[in-house]
């Protein structure tokens, strides 16, 4: 079993061949006070593959795409080591090839969904001696699993259009650019992501806001305009409707563990340059 690393949080980029499906890996060694009672995961339309060792057993779960906040509180503090595979919006469909409408906003036991994948990852978790060993072995397993592309190309294009516009786009325009009707797109999004197009657009804009709140926490009026809201009142209302708290309270109590994964690739890019 892996022994504790010097770092509490260990972020790894995914292999370039998996980057469409896996955003990054995070190996965490929690202590008794790492996560607070109010620790909440904000909805981001992405699934997660989670493996944790609690001192007795390896607990492996699939977390469907989140549409609502998930209060974890201090639960992660009870684990000796935790591996989080942060997926892209359609990464979980690529792994499971099952309708994501059944997975959205749920935590499911991996063994119940895919016994073969559970066994392979369980063995990797038990046999690995270092953080790098664990990530590399899991990545090899996932690469073999996801070698054949099963996600709709039209859905990939639609999500890129939405992302490139930071969620500031209408469903009909997404449909036009992806050459699908709105109804066809909704069916694709429900099956391969777990939500309709409108919800995906809304969460894309919300996560654009989250990312920029971290950088400029005091300028809500400017950010609301930048994110395409009519005014700050609409910005505040939509933020609270999605997150359950005001932007001010989010910054004060919930923003410590925000990480969207792009920083690691920005760093790699700058090193390459």
Protein backbone atom coordinates (compact mmCIF):
# COMPACT_ATOMS: atom_id res chain seq x y z
CA UNK A 1 0.00 0.00 0.00
CA UNK A 2 1.15 3.52 -0.81
CA UNK A 3 3.00 5.32 1.97
CA UNK A 4 2.47 8.98 2.75
CA UNK A 5 4.14 11.49 0.46
CA UNK A 6 5.70 14.75 1.65
CA UNK A 7 2.93 16.73 -0.03
CA UNK A 8 -0.66 16.64 1.15
CA UNK A 9 -2.12 17.36 -2.30
CA UNK A 10 -0.44 15.82 -5.35
CA UNK A 11 -1.82 16.99 -8.71
CA UNK A 12 -0.88 15.15 -11.91
CA UNK A 13 -1.86 15.93 -15.51
CA UNK A 14 -3.45 13.19 -17.56
CA UNK A 15 -1.75 11.64 -20.59
CA UNK A 16 -2.31 13.69 -23.73
CA UNK A 17 -4.25 10.79 -25.24
CA UNK A 18 -6.69 10.85 -22.32
CA UNK A 19 -6.99 14.58 -21.87
CA UNK A 20 -10.40 14.78 -23.55
CA UNK A 21 -11.76 12.49 -20.84
CA UNK A 22 -9.58 13.00 -17.75
CA UNK A 23 -8.78 16.51 -16.53
CA UNK A 24 -6.27 15.59 -13.82
CA UNK A 25 -5.44 13.23 -10.94
CA UNK A 26 -5.27 14.34 -7.32
CA UNK A 27 -3.74 12.11 -4.63
CA UNK A 28 -4.56 13.48 -1.17
CA UNK A 29 -3.26 12.53 2.26
CA UNK A 30 -5.81 14.12 4.59
CA UNK A 31 -5.18 14.89 8.24
CA UNK A 32 -7.77 15.36 10.98
CA UNK A 33 -8.27 19.02 10.10
CA UNK A 34 -7.60 19.15 6.34
CA UNK A 35 -11.28 19.53 5.41
CA UNK A 36 -13.70 21.66 7.39
CA UNK A 37 -17.29 20.93 8.37
CA UNK A 38 -18.57 23.24 5.60
CA UNK A 39 -16.41 21.75 2.83
CA UNK A 40 -18.74 21.66 -0.20
CA UNK A 41 -18.16 20.58 -3.78
CA UNK A 42 -19.66 23.07 -6.21
CA UNK A 43 -21.56 21.69 -9.23
CA UNK A 44 -19.40 21.50 -12.36
CA UNK A 45 -21.16 19.08 -14.78
CA UNK A 46 -18.25 16.63 -14.46
CA UNK A 47 -18.02 13.14 -13.06
CA UNK A 48 -15.33 11.86 -10.70
CA UNK A 49 -13.75 8.49 -10.05
CA UNK A 50 -12.83 8.20 -6.37
CA UNK A 51 -10.72 5.59 -4.57
CA UNK A 52 -9.99 5.88 -0.87
CA UNK A 53 -8.28 3.75 1.80
CA UNK A 54 -9.77 4.12 5.26
CA UNK A 55 -7.31 1.86 7.08
CA UNK A 56 -9.29 -1.31 6.46
CA UNK A 57 -10.57 -1.35 2.90
CA UNK A 58 -10.38 0.42 -0.44
CA UNK A 59 -13.61 2.28 -1.19
CA UNK A 60 -14.16 2.91 -4.90
CA UNK A 61 -16.97 5.12 -6.17
CA UNK A 62 -18.25 6.78 -9.31
CA UNK A 63 -19.65 10.26 -8.76
CA UNK A 64 -22.01 11.34 -11.50
CA UNK A 65 -22.01 14.83 -12.98
CA UNK A 66 -23.09 17.29 -10.31
CA UNK A 67 -25.91 19.76 -10.84
CA UNK A 68 -26.20 20.77 -7.19
CA UNK A 69 -23.70 21.41 -4.35
CA UNK A 70 -22.48 18.37 -2.44
CA UNK A 71 -21.65 18.84 1.25
CA UNK A 72 -18.77 16.50 2.09
CA UNK A 73 -17.78 18.20 5.32
CA UNK A 74 -15.01 16.38 7.18
CA UNK A 75 -15.67 12.98 5.58
CA UNK A 76 -12.37 12.96 3.60
CA UNK A 77 -10.39 13.46 6.84
CA UNK A 78 -11.15 9.85 7.79
CA UNK A 79 -9.20 8.47 4.82
CA UNK A 80 -5.50 7.63 4.92
CA UNK A 81 -5.12 8.30 1.21
CA UNK A 82 -7.56 9.44 -1.45
CA UNK A 83 -7.25 9.30 -5.24
CA UNK A 84 -9.57 11.56 -7.21
CA UNK A 85 -9.70 11.16 -10.98
CA UNK A 86 -11.40 14.35 -12.18
CA UNK A 87 -13.16 13.63 -15.44
CA UNK A 88 -14.33 15.84 -18.27
CA UNK A 89 -18.10 16.30 -18.70
CA UNK A 90 -18.33 13.23 -20.94
CA UNK A 91 -15.44 11.27 -19.37
CA UNK A 92 -17.69 9.08 -17.24
CA UNK A 93 -19.74 8.06 -20.28
CA UNK A 94 -16.51 7.13 -22.09
CA UNK A 95 -15.57 4.89 -19.14
CA UNK A 96 -18.94 3.29 -18.39
CA UNK A 97 -20.76 3.57 -21.74
CA UNK A 98 -23.96 3.79 -19.72
CA UNK A 99 -26.61 6.52 -19.68
CA UNK A 100 -25.43 9.33 -17.45
CA UNK A 101 -29.01 10.36 -16.70
CA UNK A 102 -28.91 7.51 -14.15
CA UNK A 103 -25.64 8.74 -12.61
CA UNK A 104 -26.17 12.50 -12.26
CA UNK A 105 -25.91 13.84 -8.70
CA UNK A 106 -25.26 10.34 -7.32
CA UNK A 107 -22.40 8.53 -5.62
CA UNK A 108 -22.35 4.94 -6.81
CA UNK A 109 -20.21 1.97 -5.78
CA UNK A 110 -17.81 1.19 -8.63
CA UNK A 111 -18.02 -2.54 -7.96
CA UNK A 112 -21.78 -2.45 -8.62
CA UNK A 113 -21.33 -0.58 -11.91
CA UNK A 114 -18.21 -2.25 -13.30
CA UNK A 115 -16.68 -5.16 -11.40
CA UNK A 116 -13.78 -5.58 -13.83
CA UNK A 117 -12.69 -1.95 -13.55
CA UNK A 118 -13.10 -2.06 -9.78
CA UNK A 119 -10.84 -5.10 -9.49
CA UNK A 120 -8.13 -3.59 -11.71
CA UNK A 121 -8.07 -0.24 -9.89
CA UNK A 122 -8.29 -1.94 -6.49
CA UNK A 123 -5.19 -3.99 -7.33
CA UNK A 124 -3.37 -0.85 -8.46
CA UNK A 125 -4.28 0.93 -5.24
CA UNK A 126 -3.07 -1.95 -3.06
CA UNK A 127 0.13 -2.68 -5.00
CA UNK A 128 1.40 0.87 -5.57
CA UNK A 129 4.23 2.06 -3.32
CA UNK A 130 4.44 5.68 -4.42
CA UNK A 131 2.08 8.39 -5.63
CA UNK A 132 3.58 8.25 -9.13
CA UNK A 133 3.19 4.47 -9.26
CA UNK A 134 -0.48 4.77 -8.34
CA UNK A 135 -1.26 7.44 -10.94
CA UNK A 136 0.71 5.75 -13.72
CA UNK A 137 -0.86 2.34 -13.11
CA UNK A 138 -4.39 3.75 -12.94
CA UNK A 139 -3.76 5.73 -16.10
CA UNK A 140 -2.63 2.59 -17.96
CA UNK A 141 -5.83 0.84 -16.89
CA UNK A 142 -8.02 3.76 -17.93
CA UNK A 143 -6.17 4.21 -21.21
CA UNK A 144 -6.93 0.63 -22.20
CA UNK A 145 -10.54 1.11 -21.16
CA UNK A 146 -11.00 4.35 -23.11
CA UNK A 147 -8.91 3.63 -26.19
CA UNK A 148 -12.01 3.34 -28.39
CA UNK A 149 -13.81 6.69 -28.69
CA UNK A 150 -17.55 6.25 -28.00
CA UNK A 151 -18.60 9.84 -27.22
CA UNK A 152 -20.56 11.59 -29.96
CA UNK A 153 -18.42 13.98 -32.02
CA UNK A 154 -21.40 16.35 -32.13
CA UNK A 155 -21.50 16.42 -28.34
CA UNK A 156 -17.76 17.10 -28.14
CA UNK A 157 -18.22 19.98 -30.58
CA UNK A 158 -21.21 21.35 -28.65
CA UNK A 159 -19.36 21.32 -25.32
CA UNK A 160 -16.40 23.07 -26.93
CA UNK A 161 -18.67 25.77 -28.37
CA UNK A 162 -20.19 26.32 -24.91
CA UNK A 163 -16.81 26.32 -23.19
CA UNK A 164 -15.26 28.69 -25.74
CA UNK A 165 -18.12 31.11 -25.04
CA UNK A 166 -17.79 30.67 -21.24
CA UNK A 167 -21.45 29.63 -21.06
CA UNK A 168 -22.62 32.89 -22.60
CA UNK A 169 -24.52 31.39 -25.51
CA UNK A 170 -28.06 30.32 -26.34
CA UNK A 171 -29.08 26.68 -26.89
CA UNK A 172 -30.26 27.44 -30.44
CA UNK A 173 -26.83 28.83 -31.36
CA UNK A 174 -25.10 25.74 -29.93
CA UNK A 175 -27.47 23.58 -31.98
CA UNK A 176 -26.74 25.60 -35.11
CA UNK A 177 -22.98 25.28 -34.73
CA UNK A 178 -23.11 21.56 -33.94
CA UNK A 179 -25.57 20.83 -36.80
CA UNK A 180 -28.11 19.18 -34.49
CA UNK A 181 -31.57 20.25 -33.42
CA UNK A 182 -32.05 21.42 -29.85
CA UNK A 183 -34.08 18.29 -29.10
CA UNK A 184 -31.39 15.97 -30.49
CA UNK A 185 -28.71 17.80 -28.50
CA UNK A 186 -30.71 17.48 -25.29
CA UNK A 187 -30.96 13.72 -25.80
CA UNK A 188 -27.21 13.49 -26.38
CA UNK A 189 -26.39 15.61 -23.33
CA UNK A 190 -28.73 13.63 -21.07
CA UNK A 191 -27.27 10.28 -22.11
CA UNK A 192 -23.58 11.20 -22.34
CA UNK A 193 -23.28 13.92 -19.66
CA UNK A 194 -26.37 13.57 -17.47
CA UNK A 195 -28.11 16.93 -17.96
CA UNK A 196 -29.76 18.97 -20.69
CA UNK A 197 -27.95 21.59 -22.75
CA UNK A 198 -29.41 24.56 -20.86
CA UNK A 199 -28.18 23.24 -17.49
CA UNK A 200 -24.75 22.54 -18.96
CA UNK A 201 -24.53 26.08 -20.31
CA UNK A 202 -25.59 27.51 -16.96
CA UNK A 203 -22.99 25.48 -15.03
CA UNK A 204 -20.28 26.42 -17.52
CA UNK A 205 -20.94 30.10 -16.86
CA UNK A 206 -21.11 29.44 -13.10
CA UNK A 207 -17.70 27.77 -13.12
CA UNK A 208 -16.27 30.60 -15.21
CA UNK A 209 -17.46 32.89 -12.41
CA UNK A 210 -15.94 30.65 -9.70
CA UNK A 211 -12.57 30.69 -11.41
CA UNK A 212 -12.51 34.47 -11.68
CA UNK A 213 -13.82 35.08 -8.17
CA UNK A 214 -10.65 33.41 -6.90
CA UNK A 215 -8.53 35.92 -8.81
CA UNK A 216 -10.55 39.11 -8.21
CA UNK A 217 -12.71 38.54 -5.12
CA UNK A 218 -13.75 42.15 -4.62
CA UNK A 219 -15.00 43.12 -8.05
CA UNK A 220 -18.40 41.44 -8.25
CA UNK A 221 -19.95 44.22 -10.33
CA UNK A 222 -17.25 43.96 -13.01
CA UNK A 223 -17.37 40.15 -12.95
CA UNK A 224 -21.15 40.07 -13.33
CA UNK A 225 -20.82 42.20 -16.47
CA UNK A 226 -17.91 40.10 -17.74
CA UNK A 227 -19.96 36.92 -17.26
CA UNK A 228 -22.87 38.34 -19.25
CA UNK A 229 -25.36 39.09 -16.46
CA UNK A 230 -27.77 41.99 -16.78
CA UNK A 231 -26.57 43.45 -13.48
CA UNK A 232 -25.02 42.38 -10.17
CA UNK A 233 -28.42 41.56 -8.67
CA UNK A 234 -29.02 38.93 -11.37
CA UNK A 235 -25.48 37.67 -10.88
CA UNK A 236 -25.98 37.28 -7.11
CA UNK A 237 -29.36 35.59 -7.59
CA UNK A 238 -28.07 33.03 -10.09
CA UNK A 239 -24.95 32.33 -8.04
CA UNK A 240 -27.03 31.60 -4.94
CA UNK A 241 -29.54 29.50 -6.90
CA UNK A 242 -26.73 27.21 -8.07
CA UNK A 243 -24.42 27.20 -5.05
CA UNK A 244 -26.86 27.76 -2.19
CA UNK A 245 -24.86 30.73 -0.89
CA UNK A 246 -24.08 34.30 -1.92
CA UNK A 247 -20.77 35.02 -3.69
CA UNK A 248 -19.58 36.78 -0.54
CA UNK A 249 -20.30 33.78 1.69
CA UNK A 250 -18.74 31.40 -0.82
CA UNK A 251 -15.49 33.36 -0.70
CA UNK A 252 -15.54 33.51 3.07
CA UNK A 253 -16.30 29.87 3.84
CA UNK A 254 -16.04 27.59 0.80
CA UNK A 255 -13.37 28.70 -1.66
CA UNK A 256 -10.24 27.24 -0.05
CA UNK A 257 -10.21 24.05 -2.10
CA UNK A 258 -11.24 25.42 -5.47
CA UNK A 259 -9.22 23.95 -8.33
CA UNK A 260 -10.31 23.71 -11.97
CA UNK A 261 -7.31 21.85 -13.34
CA UNK A 262 -6.26 24.40 -15.96
CA UNK A 263 -3.38 25.73 -13.87
CA UNK A 264 -1.37 22.53 -14.27
CA UNK A 265 -1.65 22.66 -18.05
CA UNK A 266 -0.84 26.37 -18.13
CA UNK A 267 2.32 25.53 -16.18
CA UNK A 268 3.24 22.68 -18.53
CA UNK A 269 2.63 24.93 -21.54
CA UNK A 270 4.85 27.68 -20.16
CA UNK A 271 7.63 25.16 -19.50
CA UNK A 272 7.29 23.87 -23.03
CA UNK A 273 7.61 27.38 -24.39
